[in-house]
C-alpha atoms as a PDB file:
ATOM      1  CA  VAL A   1       0.048  -0.312  -0.068  1.00  0.00           C
ATOM      2  CA  THR A   2       1.492   3.107  -0.926  1.00  0.00           C
ATOM      3  CA  GLU A   3       1.337   5.837   1.606  1.00  0.00           C
ATOM      4  CA  GLN A   4      -0.965   9.259   0.613  1.00  0.00           C
ATOM      5  CA  PRO A   5       1.648  12.570   0.271  1.00  0.00           C
ATOM      6  CA  ILE A   6       0.913  14.711   2.477  1.00  0.00           C
ATOM      7  CA  THR A   7       0.153  18.461   0.773  1.00  0.00           C
ATOM      8  CA  LYS A   8       0.399  21.260   2.731  1.00  0.00           C
ATOM      9  CA  ILE A   9      -1.284  24.787   1.086  1.00  0.00           C
ATOM     10  CA  ILE A  10      -1.117  28.272   2.510  1.00  0.00           C
ATOM     11  CA  VAL A  11      -3.416  30.795   1.244  1.00  0.00           C
ATOM     12  CA  ILE A  12      -2.677  34.542   2.009  1.00  0.00           C
ATOM     13  CA  ARG A  13      -3.900  37.885   1.021  1.00  0.00           C
ATOM     14  CA  HIS A  14      -1.766  40.049   0.061  1.00  0.00           C
ATOM     15  CA  ALA A  15       0.011  42.553   2.207  1.00  0.00           C
ATOM     16  CA  GLU A  16      -1.070  45.998   2.992  1.00  0.00           C
ATOM     17  CA  LYS A  17      -1.326  48.356  -0.555  1.00  0.00           C
ATOM     18  CA  SER A  18      -0.548  51.817  -0.858  1.00  0.00           C
ATOM     19  CA  ASN A  19      -3.267  53.963  -2.092  1.00  0.00           C
ATOM     20  CA  ASP A  20      -2.050  55.732  -5.196  1.00  0.00           C
ATOM     21  CA  GLY A  21      -4.899  55.733  -7.071  1.00  0.00           C
ATOM     22  CA  THR A  22      -4.555  53.091  -9.693  1.00  0.00           C
ATOM     23  CA  GLN A  23      -5.344  50.052 -10.908  1.00  0.00           C
ATOM     24  CA  ASP A  24      -2.478  47.935  -9.418  1.00  0.00           C
ATOM     25  CA  PRO A  25      -0.512  50.048  -6.306  1.00  0.00           C
ATOM     26  CA  PRO A  26       2.522  48.620  -4.806  1.00  0.00           C
ATOM     27  CA  LEU A  27       2.790  47.622  -0.976  1.00  0.00           C
ATOM     28  CA  SER A  28       2.692  50.602   1.691  1.00  0.00           C
ATOM     29  CA  PRO A  29       5.773  50.164   3.826  1.00  0.00           C
ATOM     30  CA  GLU A  30       3.909  48.700   5.993  1.00  0.00           C
ATOM     31  CA  GLY A  31       3.029  46.219   3.636  1.00  0.00           C
ATOM     32  CA  ILE A  32       6.601  45.530   3.047  1.00  0.00           C
ATOM     33  CA  ASN A  33       7.092  45.306   6.857  1.00  0.00           C
ATOM     34  CA  ARG A  34       4.191  42.439   6.454  1.00  0.00           C
ATOM     35  CA  ALA A  35       6.092  40.607   3.234  1.00  0.00           C
ATOM     36  CA  GLU A  36       9.187  40.389   5.545  1.00  0.00           C
ATOM     37  CA  ARG A  37       7.055  39.117   8.596  1.00  0.00           C
ATOM     38  CA  LEU A  38       5.764  36.213   6.401  1.00  0.00           C
ATOM     39  CA  ALA A  39       9.377  35.202   5.342  1.00  0.00           C
ATOM     40  CA  THR A  40      10.290  35.166   8.689  1.00  0.00           C
ATOM     41  CA  TYR A  41       7.671  33.188   9.919  1.00  0.00           C
ATOM     42  CA  PHE A  42       8.254  30.417   7.504  1.00  0.00           C
ATOM     43  CA  LYS A  43      11.887  30.693   7.620  1.00  0.00           C
ATOM     44  CA  ASP A  44      12.383  27.136   9.028  1.00  0.00           C
ATOM     45  CA  THR A  45       9.835  25.530   6.450  1.00  0.00           C
ATOM     46  CA  LYS A  46      10.605  24.513   3.326  1.00  0.00           C
ATOM     47  CA  ILE A  47       7.850  25.831   0.481  1.00  0.00           C
ATOM     48  CA  ASP A  48       7.662  24.486  -2.664  1.00  0.00           C
ATOM     49  CA  LEU A  49       6.098  27.074  -4.496  1.00  0.00           C
ATOM     50  CA  LEU A  50       4.475  30.541  -4.787  1.00  0.00           C
ATOM     51  CA  PHE A  51       2.220  31.146  -6.541  1.00  0.00           C
ATOM     52  CA  ALA A  52       0.910  34.802  -7.065  1.00  0.00           C
ATOM     53  CA  THR A  53      -2.101  37.214  -9.284  1.00  0.00           C
ATOM     54  CA  PRO A  54      -0.461  38.908 -11.596  1.00  0.00           C
ATOM     55  CA  TYR A  55      -0.951  42.797  -9.795  1.00  0.00           C
ATOM     56  CA  LYS A  56       2.214  43.644  -7.879  1.00  0.00           C
ATOM     57  CA  ARG A  57       1.037  43.548  -4.579  1.00  0.00           C
ATOM     58  CA  THR A  58      -0.046  40.089  -4.436  1.00  0.00           C
ATOM     59  CA  SER A  59       3.880  39.119  -5.951  1.00  0.00           C
ATOM     60  CA  GLN A  60       5.606  42.126  -3.485  1.00  0.00           C
ATOM     61  CA  THR A  61       3.883  39.963  -0.772  1.00  0.00           C
ATOM     62  CA  LEU A  62       5.707  36.962  -1.689  1.00  0.00           C
ATOM     63  CA  SER A  63       9.300  38.679  -2.826  1.00  0.00           C
ATOM     64  CA  ALA A  64      11.288  38.483   0.481  1.00  0.00           C
ATOM     65  CA  LEU A  65       9.753  34.720   0.783  1.00  0.00           C
ATOM     66  CA  ALA A  66      11.006  33.754  -2.385  1.00  0.00           C
ATOM     67  CA  ALA A  67      14.495  35.532  -1.613  1.00  0.00           C
ATOM     68  CA  THR A  68      14.427  33.291   1.399  1.00  0.00           C
ATOM     69  CA  GLN A  69      13.483  30.129   0.183  1.00  0.00           C
ATOM     70  CA  HIS A  70      15.234  30.718  -3.547  1.00  0.00           C
ATOM     71  CA  LEU A  71      11.795  30.314  -5.396  1.00  0.00           C
ATOM     72  CA  ASN A  72      10.401  32.139  -8.517  1.00  0.00           C
ATOM     73  CA  ILE A  73       6.656  33.510  -8.248  1.00  0.00           C
ATOM     74  CA  THR A  74       4.433  31.985 -10.802  1.00  0.00           C
ATOM     75  CA  THR A  75       1.905  33.879 -11.919  1.00  0.00           C
ATOM     76  CA  TYR A  76      -2.470  32.993 -11.693  1.00  0.00           C
ATOM     77  CA  ASN A  77      -5.360  33.515 -12.673  1.00  0.00           C
ATOM     78  CA  PRO A  78      -7.735  33.591  -9.107  1.00  0.00           C
ATOM     79  CA  SER A  79     -10.559  33.314 -12.002  1.00  0.00           C
ATOM     80  CA  ASP A  80      -9.864  30.295 -13.171  1.00  0.00           C
ATOM     81  CA  ASN A  81     -11.015  27.921 -11.657  1.00  0.00           C
ATOM     82  CA  THR A  82      -9.177  24.840 -13.786  1.00  0.00           C
ATOM     83  CA  PHE A  83      -6.134  26.270 -12.172  1.00  0.00           C
ATOM     84  CA  PHE A  84      -7.334  25.097  -8.759  1.00  0.00           C
ATOM     85  CA  ASP A  85      -8.817  21.628  -9.980  1.00  0.00           C
ATOM     86  CA  HIS A  86      -5.512  19.419 -10.692  1.00  0.00           C
ATOM     87  CA  PHE A  87      -3.888  20.920  -7.827  1.00  0.00           C
ATOM     88  CA  LEU A  88      -3.350  18.234  -5.098  1.00  0.00           C
ATOM     89  CA  GLN A  89      -2.633  16.165  -8.027  1.00  0.00           C
ATOM     90  CA  ASN A  90      -0.152  18.044  -9.686  1.00  0.00           C
ATOM     91  CA  GLN A  91       1.649  19.454  -6.365  1.00  0.00           C
ATOM     92  CA  ALA A  92       1.069  16.255  -4.134  1.00  0.00           C
ATOM     93  CA  GLY A  93       3.596  16.009  -1.313  1.00  0.00           C
ATOM     94  CA  LYS A  94       4.414  19.841  -1.803  1.00  0.00           C
ATOM     95  CA  THR A  95       3.745  22.776   0.388  1.00  0.00           C
ATOM     96  CA  ALA A  96       2.540  26.202  -1.575  1.00  0.00           C
ATOM     97  CA  VAL A  97       1.809  29.550  -0.897  1.00  0.00           C
ATOM     98  CA  ILE A  98      -0.986  31.314  -2.908  1.00  0.00           C
ATOM     99  CA  ALA A  99      -1.263  34.547  -2.659  1.00  0.00           C
ATOM    100  CA  GLY A 100      -4.969  36.098  -3.203  1.00  0.00           C
ATOM    101  CA  HIS A 101      -6.855  39.148  -2.541  1.00  0.00           C
ATOM    102  CA  SER A 102      -9.938  40.138   0.003  1.00  0.00           C
ATOM    103  CA  ASN A 103     -12.489  39.010  -2.633  1.00  0.00           C
ATOM    104  CA  THR A 104     -10.252  35.154  -3.821  1.00  0.00           C
ATOM    105  CA  ALA A 105      -7.930  34.514  -1.041  1.00  0.00           C
ATOM    106  CA  PRO A 106     -10.762  33.160   1.069  1.00  0.00           C
ATOM    107  CA  MET A 107     -12.679  31.525  -2.517  1.00  0.00           C
ATOM    108  CA  ILE A 108      -9.921  29.632  -3.058  1.00  0.00           C
ATOM    109  CA  VAL A 109      -9.756  28.654   0.392  1.00  0.00           C
ATOM    110  CA  ASN A 110     -13.348  27.790  -0.306  1.00  0.00           C
ATOM    111  CA  GLY A 111     -12.361  26.255  -3.449  1.00  0.00           C
ATOM    112  CA  PHE A 112     -10.301  23.294  -1.610  1.00  0.00           C
ATOM    113  CA  LEU A 113     -12.702  22.806   1.495  1.00  0.00           C
ATOM    114  CA  LYS A 114     -15.628  22.286  -1.590  1.00  0.00           C
ATOM    115  CA  ASP A 115     -18.002  24.399   1.257  1.00  0.00           C
ATOM    116  CA  ASN A 116     -18.746  28.187   1.215  1.00  0.00           C
ATOM    117  CA  LYS A 117     -17.402  28.737   4.336  1.00  0.00           C
ATOM    118  CA  TYR A 118     -15.330  31.950   4.443  1.00  0.00           C
ATOM    119  CA  PRO A 119     -16.793  35.011   2.858  1.00  0.00           C
ATOM    120  CA  GLN A 120     -14.804  37.950   1.578  1.00  0.00           C
ATOM    121  CA  LEU A 121     -12.059  40.038   3.961  1.00  0.00           C
ATOM    122  CA  PRO A 122     -13.211  43.117   4.841  1.00  0.00           C
ATOM    123  CA  GLU A 123     -10.813  45.885   2.958  1.00  0.00           C
ATOM    124  CA  SER A 124      -8.716  46.841   6.383  1.00  0.00           C
ATOM    125  CA  GLU A 125      -8.194  43.298   6.882  1.00  0.00           C
ATOM    126  CA  PHE A 126      -4.693  41.577   6.135  1.00  0.00           C
ATOM    127  CA  GLY A 127      -2.929  39.254   8.226  1.00  0.00           C
ATOM    128  CA  ARG A 128      -4.235  35.788   7.679  1.00  0.00           C
ATOM    129  CA  MET A 129      -3.523  32.751   6.613  1.00  0.00           C
ATOM    130  CA  TRP A 130      -5.296  29.563   5.842  1.00  0.00           C
ATOM    131  CA  VAL A 131      -3.155  26.496   6.855  1.00  0.00           C
ATOM    132  CA  LEU A 132      -4.770  23.358   4.541  1.00  0.00           C
ATOM    133  CA  THR A 133      -3.210  19.964   5.248  1.00  0.00           C
ATOM    134  CA  PHE A 134      -4.547  17.297   2.709  1.00  0.00           C
ATOM    135  CA  LYS A 135      -3.143  13.387   2.841  1.00  0.00           C
ATOM    136  CA  GLY A 136      -4.085  12.542  -0.864  1.00  0.00           C
ATOM    137  CA  ASN A 137      -7.298  14.493  -2.106  1.00  0.00           C
ATOM    138  CA  GLN A 138      -8.187  14.259   1.988  1.00  0.00           C
ATOM    139  CA  LEU A 139      -8.722  17.306   3.834  1.00  0.00           C
ATOM    140  CA  LEU A 140      -6.679  17.003   7.143  1.00  0.00           C
ATOM    141  CA  ASN A 141      -7.098  19.994   9.115  1.00  0.00           C
ATOM    142  CA  CYS A 142      -8.301  23.827   7.667  1.00  0.00           C
ATOM    143  CA  GLU A 143      -6.475  26.214  10.451  1.00  0.00           C
ATOM    144  CA  VAL A 144      -6.456  30.223  10.311  1.00  0.00           C
ATOM    145  CA  VAL A 145      -3.541  31.741  11.535  1.00  0.00           C
ATOM    146  CA  ALA A 146      -2.588  35.459  12.053  1.00  0.00           C
ATOM    147  CA  TYR A 147       1.067  36.884  10.727  1.00  0.00           C
END
C-alpha cells in the first residue's frame, strides 16, 4: 500500500497596499514589513511553490519569501477555476503558498474545502492565512493563523 503524500496549501491575502489611485498599487511600507514578517514566519519551513496573481501587491507580498526560499513566483489567474482543479494531484507532497486578494483568497480556500465557509475579507484585514493540510485528496486540517 502506497502512503498518501501530505500536501500543504497556505493561502494568504496580499499585504497592505499603497493608496496611489491606480488599479495596480505597490505595497505600502507597512505592507513591505508584513511581507518580511511572512518570510520570517516560514524561515524554518521548506516551501516548494509560490503563486501570485498578476498584480504587484501579491507578488511583492511573496518577494521576501521567494528570496529566502530561493524560489520563483508563478503567476495564476484567480478567476480560472481549473487552476485549482488538479492542484492536489499535480502538487502532491509539496508545500505551496498562494497569495490572493480580499475577495479571492477566501474563495480559493472555499474551493479546496468544497464548502462556502469563508466570506470575502474586509478591505482592512491583511494578516490572515489559511493552512490547509491534505493527505492525498483528503483534507486533514484547515487552520486559520494570524501573521
